[in-house]
Amino acid sequence: QVQLVESGGGLVQAGGSLRLSCAASGIIFSANAMAWYRQAPGRQRELVATITSGGSTNYADSAKGRFTVSRDNAKNTVYLEMNSLKPEDTAVYYCNAYISAWKSYWGQGTQVTVSS
């Protein structure tokens, strides 16, 4: 049974920081690429950042220079460090485990709210 459990969301003022965590179980964590997505009210879910099994990272333009994705394979956990947060970063943030082109798993999401 695969589980992805996000934590670390909350309410923060603009300019502040948050660190999201996603603990995975039921998959060979070290072998899989992981990603963070977000979905704001009334908008489609969008990719925020990815990290391969080898640790290579990629970011959406909106996240570059402010967000950092990392992973700890010993803890089966992926992180998203978010700095200089803006109100437009307000969304539910989801962790995703990419298994193959036709299979991936999602966490339940964690709410991030940035006040102006």
PDB file of N, CA and C in Angstrom:
ATOM      1  N   GLN A   1       0.846  -1.187   0.000  1.00  0.00           N
ATOM      2  CA  GLN A   1       0.000   0.000   0.000  1.00  0.00           C
ATOM      3  C   GLN A   1       0.884   1.241   0.000  1.00  0.00           C
ATOM      4  N   VAL A   2       0.705   2.056  -1.024  1.00  0.00           N
ATOM      5  CA  VAL A   2       1.512   3.261  -1.160  1.00  0.00           C
ATOM      6  C   VAL A   2       0.869   4.404  -0.386  1.00  0.00           C
ATOM      7  N   GLN A   3       1.687   5.092   0.360  1.00  0.00           N
ATOM      8  CA  GLN A   3       1.215   6.284   1.071  1.00  0.00           C
ATOM      9  C   GLN A   3       2.220   7.406   0.904  1.00  0.00           C
ATOM     10  N   LEU A   4       1.695   8.577   0.609  1.00  0.00           N
ATOM     11  CA  LEU A   4       2.484   9.804   0.586  1.00  0.00           C
ATOM     12  C   LEU A   4       1.800  10.768   1.543  1.00  0.00           C
ATOM     13  N   VAL A   5       2.506  11.191   2.558  1.00  0.00           N
ATOM     14  CA  VAL A   5       1.912  12.035   3.587  1.00  0.00           C
ATOM     15  C   VAL A   5       2.667  13.356   3.649  1.00  0.00           C
ATOM     16  N   GLU A   6       1.968  14.425   3.236  1.00  0.00           N
ATOM     17  CA  GLU A   6       2.566  15.751   3.273  1.00  0.00           C
ATOM     18  C   GLU A   6       2.337  16.404   4.635  1.00  0.00           C
ATOM     19  N   SER A   7       3.255  17.273   4.994  1.00  0.00           N
ATOM     20  CA  SER A   7       3.111  18.064   6.216  1.00  0.00           C
ATOM     21  C   SER A   7       3.897  19.356   6.047  1.00  0.00           C
ATOM     22  N   GLY A   8       3.665  20.282   6.955  1.00  0.00           N
ATOM     23  CA  GLY A   8       4.434  21.516   6.960  1.00  0.00           C
ATOM     24  C   GLY A   8       3.717  22.729   6.416  1.00  0.00           C
ATOM     25  N   GLY A   9       2.527  22.555   5.888  1.00  0.00           N
ATOM     26  CA  GLY A   9       1.783  23.698   5.407  1.00  0.00           C
ATOM     27  C   GLY A   9       1.286  24.556   6.541  1.00  0.00           C
ATOM     28  N   GLY A  10       0.740  25.718   6.187  1.00  0.00           N
ATOM     29  CA  GLY A  10       0.208  26.611   7.210  1.00  0.00           C
ATOM     30  C   GLY A  10       0.003  27.996   6.672  1.00  0.00           C
ATOM     31  N   LEU A  11      -0.204  28.910   7.606  1.00  0.00           N
ATOM     32  CA  LEU A  11      -0.418  30.313   7.281  1.00  0.00           C
ATOM     33  C   LEU A  11       0.864  31.088   7.560  1.00  0.00           C
ATOM     34  N   VAL A  12       1.292  31.871   6.580  1.00  0.00           N
ATOM     35  CA  VAL A  12       2.523  32.641   6.729  1.00  0.00           C
ATOM     36  C   VAL A  12       2.335  33.993   6.065  1.00  0.00           C
ATOM     37  N   GLN A  13       3.024  34.979   6.553  1.00  0.00           N
ATOM     38  CA  GLN A  13       2.959  36.303   5.940  1.00  0.00           C
ATOM     39  C   GLN A  13       3.835  36.350   4.690  1.00  0.00           C
ATOM     40  N   ALA A  14       3.487  37.249   3.796  1.00  0.00           N
ATOM     41  CA  ALA A  14       4.293  37.446   2.595  1.00  0.00           C
ATOM     42  C   ALA A  14       5.744  37.736   2.993  1.00  0.00           C
ATOM     43  N   GLY A  15       6.657  37.112   2.263  1.00  0.00           N
ATOM     44  CA  GLY A  15       8.073  37.237   2.585  1.00  0.00           C
ATOM     45  C   GLY A  15       8.591  36.156   3.512  1.00  0.00           C
ATOM     46  N   GLY A  16       7.691  35.393   4.078  1.00  0.00           N
ATOM     47  CA  GLY A  16       8.073  34.349   5.012  1.00  0.00           C
ATOM     48  C   GLY A  16       8.478  33.056   4.312  1.00  0.00           C
ATOM     49  N   SER A  17       8.720  32.041   5.130  1.00  0.00           N
ATOM     50  CA  SER A  17       9.202  30.757   4.625  1.00  0.00           C
ATOM     51  C   SER A  17       8.409  29.605   5.227  1.00  0.00           C
ATOM     52  N   LEU A  18       8.363  28.540   4.483  1.00  0.00           N
ATOM     53  CA  LEU A  18       7.797  27.278   4.965  1.00  0.00           C
ATOM     54  C   LEU A  18       8.618  26.135   4.385  1.00  0.00           C
ATOM     55  N   ARG A  19       8.625  25.039   5.109  1.00  0.00           N
ATOM     56  CA  ARG A  19       9.271  23.826   4.615  1.00  0.00           C
ATOM     57  C   ARG A  19       8.245  22.696   4.619  1.00  0.00           C
ATOM     58  N   LEU A  20       7.925  22.219   3.429  1.00  0.00           N
ATOM     59  CA  LEU A  20       7.005  21.102   3.299  1.00  0.00           C
ATOM     60  C   LEU A  20       7.777  19.793   3.283  1.00  0.00           C
ATOM     61  N   SER A  21       7.166  18.776   3.838  1.00  0.00           N
ATOM     62  CA  SER A  21       7.741  17.438   3.830  1.00  0.00           C
ATOM     63  C   SER A  21       6.736  16.455   3.249  1.00  0.00           C
ATOM     64  N   CYS A  22       7.243  15.418   2.638  1.00  0.00           N
ATOM     65  CA  CYS A  22       6.394  14.346   2.118  1.00  0.00           C
ATOM     66  C   CYS A  22       7.078  13.026   2.432  1.00  0.00           C
ATOM     67  N   ALA A  23       6.463  12.274   3.328  1.00  0.00           N
ATOM     68  CA  ALA A  23       7.001  10.984   3.723  1.00  0.00           C
ATOM     69  C   ALA A  23       6.334   9.888   2.900  1.00  0.00           C
ATOM     70  N   ALA A  24       7.139   9.058   2.270  1.00  0.00           N
ATOM     71  CA  ALA A  24       6.622   8.024   1.390  1.00  0.00           C
ATOM     72  C   ALA A  24       6.809   6.642   2.000  1.00  0.00           C
ATOM     73  N   SER A  25       5.861   5.778   1.719  1.00  0.00           N
ATOM     74  CA  SER A  25       5.967   4.375   2.107  1.00  0.00           C
ATOM     75  C   SER A  25       5.305   3.526   1.034  1.00  0.00           C
ATOM     76  N   GLY A  26       5.742   2.268   0.943  1.00  0.00           N
ATOM     77  CA  GLY A  26       5.136   1.361  -0.034  1.00  0.00           C
ATOM     78  C   GLY A  26       5.732   1.441  -1.422  1.00  0.00           C
ATOM     79  N   ILE A  27       6.757   2.275  -1.598  1.00  0.00           N
ATOM     80  CA  ILE A  27       7.457   2.354  -2.879  1.00  0.00           C
ATOM     81  C   ILE A  27       8.954   2.271  -2.618  1.00  0.00           C
ATOM     82  N   ILE A  28       9.697   1.974  -3.672  1.00  0.00           N
ATOM     83  CA  ILE A  28      11.157   2.000  -3.573  1.00  0.00           C
ATOM     84  C   ILE A  28      11.554   3.450  -3.779  1.00  0.00           C
ATOM     85  N   PHE A  29      11.537   4.193  -2.693  1.00  0.00           N
ATOM     86  CA  PHE A  29      11.636   5.654  -2.770  1.00  0.00           C
ATOM     87  C   PHE A  29      12.869   6.101  -3.540  1.00  0.00           C
ATOM     88  N   SER A  30      13.994   5.492  -3.259  1.00  0.00           N
ATOM     89  CA  SER A  30      15.249   5.962  -3.860  1.00  0.00           C
ATOM     90  C   SER A  30      15.271   5.776  -5.369  1.00  0.00           C
ATOM     91  N   ALA A  31      14.410   4.944  -5.891  1.00  0.00           N
ATOM     92  CA  ALA A  31      14.416   4.649  -7.332  1.00  0.00           C
ATOM     93  C   ALA A  31      13.497   5.556  -8.119  1.00  0.00           C
ATOM     94  N   ASN A  32      12.706   6.361  -7.440  1.00  0.00           N
ATOM     95  CA  ASN A  32      11.663   7.123  -8.120  1.00  0.00           C
ATOM     96  C   ASN A  32      11.904   8.621  -8.093  1.00  0.00           C
ATOM     97  N   ALA A  33      11.554   9.251  -9.211  1.00  0.00           N
ATOM     98  CA  ALA A  33      11.501  10.701  -9.225  1.00  0.00           C
ATOM     99  C   ALA A  33      10.316  11.154  -8.381  1.00  0.00           C
ATOM    100  N   MET A  34      10.476  12.288  -7.770  1.00  0.00           N
ATOM    101  CA  MET A  34       9.419  12.872  -6.932  1.00  0.00           C
ATOM    102  C   MET A  34       9.152  14.285  -7.408  1.00  0.00           C
ATOM    103  N   ALA A  35       7.968  14.758  -7.121  1.00  0.00           N
ATOM    104  CA  ALA A  35       7.604  16.104  -7.560  1.00  0.00           C
ATOM    105  C   ALA A  35       6.662  16.746  -6.565  1.00  0.00           C
ATOM    106  N   TRP A  36       6.638  18.049  -6.626  1.00  0.00           N
ATOM    107  CA  TRP A  36       5.656  18.858  -5.894  1.00  0.00           C
ATOM    108  C   TRP A  36       4.797  19.589  -6.918  1.00  0.00           C
ATOM    109  N   TYR A  37       3.501  19.525  -6.700  1.00  0.00           N
ATOM    110  CA  TYR A  37       2.521  20.266  -7.481  1.00  0.00           C
ATOM    111  C   TYR A  37       1.739  21.164  -6.529  1.00  0.00           C
ATOM    112  N   ARG A  38       1.014  22.092  -7.122  1.00  0.00           N
ATOM    113  CA  ARG A  38       0.106  22.900  -6.321  1.00  0.00           C
ATOM    114  C   ARG A  38      -1.143  23.224  -7.113  1.00  0.00           C
ATOM    115  N   GLN A  39      -2.204  23.465  -6.364  1.00  0.00           N
ATOM    116  CA  GLN A  39      -3.472  23.824  -6.992  1.00  0.00           C
ATOM    117  C   GLN A  39      -4.130  24.925  -6.184  1.00  0.00           C
ATOM    118  N   ALA A  40      -4.297  26.052  -6.834  1.00  0.00           N
ATOM    119  CA  ALA A  40      -4.986  27.180  -6.205  1.00  0.00           C
ATOM    120  C   ALA A  40      -6.474  27.101  -6.538  1.00  0.00           C
ATOM    121  N   PRO A  41      -7.322  27.718  -5.733  1.00  0.00           N
ATOM    122  CA  PRO A  41      -8.762  27.670  -5.991  1.00  0.00           C
ATOM    123  C   PRO A  41      -9.093  28.161  -7.399  1.00  0.00           C
ATOM    124  N   GLY A  42      -9.884  27.377  -8.113  1.00  0.00           N
ATOM    125  CA  GLY A  42     -10.315  27.764  -9.442  1.00  0.00           C
ATOM    126  C   GLY A  42      -9.268  27.606 -10.525  1.00  0.00           C
ATOM    127  N   ARG A  43      -8.132  27.014 -10.176  1.00  0.00           N
ATOM    128  CA  ARG A  43      -7.056  26.861 -11.153  1.00  0.00           C
ATOM    129  C   ARG A  43      -6.665  25.390 -11.293  1.00  0.00           C
ATOM    130  N   GLN A  44      -6.017  25.087 -12.380  1.00  0.00           N
ATOM    131  CA  GLN A  44      -5.550  23.723 -12.601  1.00  0.00           C
ATOM    132  C   GLN A  44      -4.323  23.438 -11.741  1.00  0.00           C
ATOM    133  N   ARG A  45      -4.140  22.164 -11.448  1.00  0.00           N
ATOM    134  CA  ARG A  45      -2.951  21.757 -10.713  1.00  0.00           C
ATOM    135  C   ARG A  45      -1.731  22.016 -11.599  1.00  0.00           C
ATOM    136  N   GLU A  46      -0.685  22.567 -10.983  1.00  0.00           N
ATOM    137  CA  GLU A  46       0.510  22.891 -11.753  1.00  0.00           C
ATOM    138  C   GLU A  46       1.753  22.337 -11.082  1.00  0.00           C
ATOM    139  N   LEU A  47       2.731  22.004 -11.909  1.00  0.00           N
ATOM    140  CA  LEU A  47       3.994  21.477 -11.420  1.00  0.00           C
ATOM    141  C   LEU A  47       4.822  22.602 -10.809  1.00  0.00           C
ATOM    142  N   VAL A  48       5.385  22.334  -9.652  1.00  0.00           N
ATOM    143  CA  VAL A  48       6.218  23.320  -8.968  1.00  0.00           C
ATOM    144  C   VAL A  48       7.691  22.947  -9.078  1.00  0.00           C
ATOM    145  N   ALA A  49       8.009  21.699  -8.755  1.00  0.00           N
ATOM    146  CA  ALA A  49       9.410  21.275  -8.742  1.00  0.00           C
ATOM    147  C   ALA A  49       9.492  19.767  -8.852  1.00  0.00           C
ATOM    148  N   THR A  50      10.586  19.309  -9.441  1.00  0.00           N
ATOM    149  CA  THR A  50      10.832  17.870  -9.542  1.00  0.00           C
ATOM    150  C   THR A  50      12.246  17.555  -9.076  1.00  0.00           C
ATOM    151  N   ILE A  51      12.419  16.320  -8.628  1.00  0.00           N
ATOM    152  CA  ILE A  51      13.751  15.843  -8.277  1.00  0.00           C
ATOM    153  C   ILE A  51      13.850  14.384  -8.700  1.00  0.00           C
ATOM    154  N   THR A  52      14.888  14.081  -9.468  1.00  0.00           N
ATOM    155  CA  THR A  52      15.047  12.720  -9.950  1.00  0.00           C
ATOM    156  C   THR A  52      15.621  11.824  -8.862  1.00  0.00           C
ATOM    157  N   SER A  53      15.691  10.545  -9.169  1.00  0.00           N
ATOM    158  CA  SER A  53      16.276   9.609  -8.213  1.00  0.00           C
ATOM    159  C   SER A  53      17.739   9.947  -7.963  1.00  0.00           C
ATOM    160  N   GLY A  54      18.380  10.556  -8.932  1.00  0.00           N
ATOM    161  CA  GLY A  54      19.777  10.929  -8.789  1.00  0.00           C
ATOM    162  C   GLY A  54      19.997  12.286  -8.173  1.00  0.00           C
ATOM    163  N   GLY A  55      18.902  13.002  -7.904  1.00  0.00           N
ATOM    164  CA  GLY A  55      19.002  14.292  -7.236  1.00  0.00           C
ATOM    165  C   GLY A  55      18.977  15.503  -8.153  1.00  0.00           C
ATOM    166  N   SER A  56      18.808  15.298  -9.450  1.00  0.00           N
ATOM    167  CA  SER A  56      18.684  16.444 -10.350  1.00  0.00           C
ATOM    168  C   SER A  56      17.344  17.111 -10.142  1.00  0.00           C
ATOM    169  N   THR A  57      17.349  18.434 -10.183  1.00  0.00           N
ATOM    170  CA  THR A  57      16.134  19.191  -9.884  1.00  0.00           C
ATOM    171  C   THR A  57      15.713  20.060 -11.052  1.00  0.00           C
ATOM    172  N   ASN A  58      14.430  20.381 -11.059  1.00  0.00           N
ATOM    173  CA  ASN A  58      13.876  21.283 -12.053  1.00  0.00           C
ATOM    174  C   ASN A  58      12.744  22.046 -11.398  1.00  0.00           C
ATOM    175  N   TYR A  59      12.552  23.294 -11.834  1.00  0.00           N
ATOM    176  CA  TYR A  59      11.575  24.161 -11.192  1.00  0.00           C
ATOM    177  C   TYR A  59      10.716  24.886 -12.211  1.00  0.00           C
ATOM    178  N   ALA A  60       9.485  25.146 -11.820  1.00  0.00           N
ATOM    179  CA  ALA A  60       8.657  26.053 -12.582  1.00  0.00           C
ATOM    180  C   ALA A  60       9.257  27.449 -12.477  1.00  0.00           C
ATOM    181  N   ASP A  61       9.009  28.264 -13.477  1.00  0.00           N
ATOM    182  CA  ASP A  61       9.556  29.618 -13.459  1.00  0.00           C
ATOM    183  C   ASP A  61       9.149  30.371 -12.194  1.00  0.00           C
ATOM    184  N   SER A  62       7.934  30.124 -11.733  1.00  0.00           N
ATOM    185  CA  SER A  62       7.426  30.830 -10.554  1.00  0.00           C
ATOM    186  C   SER A  62       8.161  30.443  -9.280  1.00  0.00           C
ATOM    187  N   ALA A  63       8.842  29.298  -9.314  1.00  0.00           N
ATOM    188  CA  ALA A  63       9.529  28.789  -8.127  1.00  0.00           C
ATOM    189  C   ALA A  63      11.039  29.024  -8.158  1.00  0.00           C
ATOM    190  N   LYS A  64      11.572  29.303  -9.316  1.00  0.00           N
ATOM    191  CA  LYS A  64      13.025  29.437  -9.445  1.00  0.00           C
ATOM    192  C   LYS A  64      13.555  30.573  -8.566  1.00  0.00           C
ATOM    193  N   GLY A  65      14.613  30.259  -7.851  1.00  0.00           N
ATOM    194  CA  GLY A  65      15.248  31.251  -7.001  1.00  0.00           C
ATOM    195  C   GLY A  65      14.620  31.407  -5.636  1.00  0.00           C
ATOM    196  N   ARG A  66      13.432  30.824  -5.437  1.00  0.00           N
ATOM    197  CA  ARG A  66      12.750  30.949  -4.145  1.00  0.00           C
ATOM    198  C   ARG A  66      12.522  29.597  -3.471  1.00  0.00           C
ATOM    199  N   PHE A  67      12.280  28.581  -4.271  1.00  0.00           N
ATOM    200  CA  PHE A  67      11.974  27.247  -3.735  1.00  0.00           C
ATOM    201  C   PHE A  67      13.138  26.306  -3.981  1.00  0.00           C
ATOM    202  N   THR A  68      13.310  25.358  -3.071  1.00  0.00           N
ATOM    203  CA  THR A  68      14.333  24.329  -3.222  1.00  0.00           C
ATOM    204  C   THR A  68      13.734  22.968  -2.886  1.00  0.00           C
ATOM    205  N   VAL A  69      13.850  22.046  -3.817  1.00  0.00           N
ATOM    206  CA  VAL A  69      13.387  20.683  -3.590  1.00  0.00           C
ATOM    207  C   VAL A  69      14.600  19.809  -3.255  1.00  0.00           C
ATOM    208  N   SER A  70      14.415  18.928  -2.286  1.00  0.00           N
ATOM    209  CA  SER A  70      15.493  18.026  -1.895  1.00  0.00           C
ATOM    210  C   SER A  70      14.884  16.706  -1.431  1.00  0.00           C
ATOM    211  N   ARG A  71      15.729  15.727  -1.273  1.00  0.00           N
ATOM    212  CA  ARG A  71      15.234  14.429  -0.828  1.00  0.00           C
ATOM    213  C   ARG A  71      16.238  13.791   0.117  1.00  0.00           C
ATOM    214  N   ASP A  72      15.710  12.987   1.027  1.00  0.00           N
ATOM    215  CA  ASP A  72      16.522  12.199   1.940  1.00  0.00           C
ATOM    216  C   ASP A  72      16.090  10.750   1.763  1.00  0.00           C
ATOM    217  N   ASN A  73      16.854  10.002   1.011  1.00  0.00           N
ATOM    218  CA  ASN A  73      16.457   8.632   0.709  1.00  0.00           C
ATOM    219  C   ASN A  73      16.486   7.744   1.950  1.00  0.00           C
ATOM    220  N   ALA A  74      17.306   8.087   2.910  1.00  0.00           N
ATOM    221  CA  ALA A  74      17.350   7.303   4.147  1.00  0.00           C
ATOM    222  C   ALA A  74      16.052   7.444   4.937  1.00  0.00           C
ATOM    223  N   LYS A  75      15.379   8.575   4.753  1.00  0.00           N
ATOM    224  CA  LYS A  75      14.122   8.825   5.473  1.00  0.00           C
ATOM    225  C   LYS A  75      12.907   8.678   4.567  1.00  0.00           C
ATOM    226  N   ASN A  76      13.118   8.316   3.305  1.00  0.00           N
ATOM    227  CA  ASN A  76      12.007   8.206   2.345  1.00  0.00           C
ATOM    228  C   ASN A  76      11.169   9.483   2.325  1.00  0.00           C
ATOM    229  N   THR A  77      11.844  10.608   2.310  1.00  0.00           N
ATOM    230  CA  THR A  77      11.157  11.891   2.424  1.00  0.00           C
ATOM    231  C   THR A  77      11.688  12.867   1.384  1.00  0.00           C
ATOM    232  N   VAL A  78      10.770  13.609   0.803  1.00  0.00           N
ATOM    233  CA  VAL A  78      11.113  14.699  -0.095  1.00  0.00           C
ATOM    234  C   VAL A  78      10.643  15.998   0.544  1.00  0.00           C
ATOM    235  N   TYR A  79      11.411  17.052   0.326  1.00  0.00           N
ATOM    236  CA  TYR A  79      11.130  18.348   0.953  1.00  0.00           C
ATOM    237  C   TYR A  79      10.944  19.427  -0.105  1.00  0.00           C
ATOM    238  N   LEU A  80      10.226  20.470   0.282  1.00  0.00           N
ATOM    239  CA  LEU A  80      10.143  21.672  -0.527  1.00  0.00           C
ATOM    240  C   LEU A  80      10.335  22.855   0.410  1.00  0.00           C
ATOM    241  N   GLU A  81      11.484  23.469   0.294  1.00  0.00           N
ATOM    242  CA  GLU A  81      11.791  24.670   1.070  1.00  0.00           C
ATOM    243  C   GLU A  81      11.303  25.863   0.264  1.00  0.00           C
ATOM    244  N   MET A  82      10.433  26.658   0.862  1.00  0.00           N
ATOM    245  CA  MET A  82       9.847  27.796   0.161  1.00  0.00           C
ATOM    246  C   MET A  82      10.192  29.077   0.902  1.00  0.00           C
ATOM    247  N   ASN A  83      10.868  29.972   0.215  1.00  0.00           N
ATOM    248  CA  ASN A  83      11.274  31.250   0.783  1.00  0.00           C
ATOM    249  C   ASN A  83      10.646  32.403   0.004  1.00  0.00           C
ATOM    250  N   SER A  84      10.684  33.567   0.589  1.00  0.00           N
ATOM    251  CA  SER A  84      10.138  34.767  -0.056  1.00  0.00           C
ATOM    252  C   SER A  84       8.736  34.506  -0.596  1.00  0.00           C
ATOM    253  N   LEU A  85       7.914  33.935   0.228  1.00  0.00           N
ATOM    254  CA  LEU A  85       6.583  33.548  -0.207  1.00  0.00           C
ATOM    255  C   LEU A  85       5.730  34.754  -0.559  1.00  0.00           C
ATOM    256  N   LYS A  86       4.875  34.552  -1.563  1.00  0.00           N
ATOM    257  CA  LYS A  86       3.994  35.598  -2.056  1.00  0.00           C
ATOM    258  C   LYS A  86       2.538  35.135  -1.912  1.00  0.00           C
ATOM    259  N   PRO A  87       1.602  36.065  -1.860  1.00  0.00           N
ATOM    260  CA  PRO A  87       0.190  35.649  -1.787  1.00  0.00           C
ATOM    261  C   PRO A  87      -0.206  34.714  -2.929  1.00  0.00           C
ATOM    262  N   GLU A  88       0.388  34.891  -4.081  1.00  0.00           N
ATOM    263  CA  GLU A  88       0.046  34.025  -5.211  1.00  0.00           C
ATOM    264  C   GLU A  88       0.592  32.607  -5.070  1.00  0.00           C
ATOM    265  N   ASP A  89       1.369  32.347  -4.040  1.00  0.00           N
ATOM    266  CA  ASP A  89       1.805  30.978  -3.748  1.00  0.00           C
ATOM    267  C   ASP A  89       0.749  30.215  -2.956  1.00  0.00           C
ATOM    268  N   THR A  90      -0.297  30.886  -2.560  1.00  0.00           N
ATOM    269  CA  THR A  90      -1.363  30.240  -1.805  1.00  0.00           C
ATOM    270  C   THR A  90      -2.005  29.140  -2.646  1.00  0.00           C
ATOM    271  N   ALA A  91      -2.017  27.931  -2.097  1.00  0.00           N
ATOM    272  CA  ALA A  91      -2.536  26.771  -2.828  1.00  0.00           C
ATOM    273  C   ALA A  91      -2.471  25.549  -1.918  1.00  0.00           C
ATOM    274  N   VAL A  92      -3.081  24.489  -2.381  1.00  0.00           N
ATOM    275  CA  VAL A  92      -2.840  23.181  -1.775  1.00  0.00           C
ATOM    276  C   VAL A  92      -1.647  22.562  -2.509  1.00  0.00           C
ATOM    277  N   TYR A  93      -0.668  22.138  -1.740  1.00  0.00           N
ATOM    278  CA  TYR A  93       0.553  21.567  -2.315  1.00  0.00           C
ATOM    279  C   TYR A  93       0.501  20.044  -2.190  1.00  0.00           C
ATOM    280  N   TYR A  94       0.777  19.390  -3.305  1.00  0.00           N
ATOM    281  CA  TYR A  94       0.698  17.936  -3.375  1.00  0.00           C
ATOM    282  C   TYR A  94       2.057  17.328  -3.714  1.00  0.00           C
ATOM    283  N   CYS A  95       2.331  16.233  -3.085  1.00  0.00           N
ATOM    284  CA  CYS A  95       3.512  15.434  -3.376  1.00  0.00           C
ATOM    285  C   CYS A  95       3.119  14.362  -4.394  1.00  0.00           C
ATOM    286  N   ASN A  96       4.031  14.091  -5.316  1.00  0.00           N
ATOM    287  CA  ASN A  96       3.783  13.090  -6.341  1.00  0.00           C
ATOM    288  C   ASN A  96       4.996  12.178  -6.485  1.00  0.00           C
ATOM    289  N   ALA A  97       4.726  10.881  -6.542  1.00  0.00           N
ATOM    290  CA  ALA A  97       5.774   9.901  -6.800  1.00  0.00           C
ATOM    291  C   ALA A  97       5.575   9.357  -8.207  1.00  0.00           C
ATOM    292  N   TYR A  98       6.565   9.603  -9.061  1.00  0.00           N
ATOM    293  CA  TYR A  98       6.476   9.185 -10.462  1.00  0.00           C
ATOM    294  C   TYR A  98       7.060   7.788 -10.575  1.00  0.00           C
ATOM    295  N   ILE A  99       6.197   6.831 -10.927  1.00  0.00           N
ATOM    296  CA  ILE A  99       6.636   5.441 -11.062  1.00  0.00           C
ATOM    297  C   ILE A  99       6.930   5.122 -12.526  1.00  0.00           C
ATOM    298  N   SER A 100       6.028   5.508 -13.398  1.00  0.00           N
ATOM    299  CA  SER A 100       6.196   5.279 -14.818  1.00  0.00           C
ATOM    300  C   SER A 100       5.275   6.248 -15.544  1.00  0.00           C
ATOM    301  N   ALA A 101       5.279   6.152 -16.880  1.00  0.00           N
ATOM    302  CA  ALA A 101       4.444   7.051 -17.669  1.00  0.00           C
ATOM    303  C   ALA A 101       2.950   6.845 -17.388  1.00  0.00           C
ATOM    304  N   TRP A 102       2.595   5.661 -16.901  1.00  0.00           N
ATOM    305  CA  TRP A 102       1.173   5.388 -16.664  1.00  0.00           C
ATOM    306  C   TRP A 102       0.849   5.170 -15.198  1.00  0.00           C
ATOM    307  N   LYS A 103       1.799   5.427 -14.332  1.00  0.00           N
ATOM    308  CA  LYS A 103       1.528   5.231 -12.914  1.00  0.00           C
ATOM    309  C   LYS A 103       2.258   6.260 -12.078  1.00  0.00           C
ATOM    310  N   SER A 104       1.507   6.938 -11.236  1.00  0.00           N
ATOM    311  CA  SER A 104       2.105   7.798 -10.235  1.00  0.00           C
ATOM    312  C   SER A 104       1.163   7.837  -9.040  1.00  0.00           C
ATOM    313  N   TYR A 105       1.679   8.275  -7.940  1.00  0.00           N
ATOM    314  CA  TYR A 105       0.899   8.336  -6.707  1.00  0.00           C
ATOM    315  C   TYR A 105       0.898   9.761  -6.164  1.00  0.00           C
ATOM    316  N   TRP A 106      -0.188  10.084  -5.476  1.00  0.00           N
ATOM    317  CA  TRP A 106      -0.380  11.427  -4.944  1.00  0.00           C
ATOM    318  C   TRP A 106      -0.610  11.370  -3.436  1.00  0.00           C
ATOM    319  N   GLY A 107      -0.128  12.405  -2.775  1.00  0.00           N
ATOM    320  CA  GLY A 107      -0.487  12.600  -1.385  1.00  0.00           C
ATOM    321  C   GLY A 107      -1.823  13.312  -1.282  1.00  0.00           C
ATOM    322  N   GLN A 108      -2.239  13.557  -0.054  1.00  0.00           N
ATOM    323  CA  GLN A 108      -3.544  14.169   0.180  1.00  0.00           C
ATOM    324  C   GLN A 108      -3.492  15.695   0.098  1.00  0.00           C
ATOM    325  N   GLY A 109      -2.303  16.246   0.106  1.00  0.00           N
ATOM    326  CA  GLY A 109      -2.152  17.689  -0.012  1.00  0.00           C
ATOM    327  C   GLY A 109      -2.014  18.383   1.329  1.00  0.00           C
ATOM    328  N   THR A 110      -1.342  19.522   1.306  1.00  0.00           N
ATOM    329  CA  THR A 110      -1.209  20.355   2.489  1.00  0.00           C
ATOM    330  C   THR A 110      -1.432  21.808   2.074  1.00  0.00           C
ATOM    331  N   GLN A 111      -2.236  22.506   2.853  1.00  0.00           N
ATOM    332  CA  GLN A 111      -2.618  23.871   2.505  1.00  0.00           C
ATOM    333  C   GLN A 111      -1.515  24.859   2.882  1.00  0.00           C
ATOM    334  N   VAL A 112      -1.180  25.704   1.943  1.00  0.00           N
ATOM    335  CA  VAL A 112      -0.262  26.824   2.192  1.00  0.00           C
ATOM    336  C   VAL A 112      -1.031  28.107   1.906  1.00  0.00           C
ATOM    337  N   THR A 113      -1.084  28.982   2.888  1.00  0.00           N
ATOM    338  CA  THR A 113      -1.769  30.256   2.739  1.00  0.00           C
ATOM    339  C   THR A 113      -0.790  31.370   3.069  1.00  0.00           C
ATOM    340  N   VAL A 114      -0.615  32.284   2.123  1.00  0.00           N
ATOM    341  CA  VAL A 114       0.303  33.405   2.303  1.00  0.00           C
ATOM    342  C   VAL A 114      -0.525  34.678   2.363  1.00  0.00           C
ATOM    343  N   SER A 115      -0.443  35.368   3.475  1.00  0.00           N
ATOM    344  CA  SER A 115      -1.214  36.600   3.650  1.00  0.00           C
ATOM    345  C   SER A 115      -0.371  37.801   3.234  1.00  0.00           C
ATOM    346  N   SER A 116      -1.064  38.807   2.737  1.00  0.00           N
ATOM    347  CA  SER A 116      -0.349  40.018   2.275  1.00  0.00           C
ATOM    348  C   SER A 116      -0.212  41.031   3.381  1.00  0.00           C
TER     349      SER A 116
END
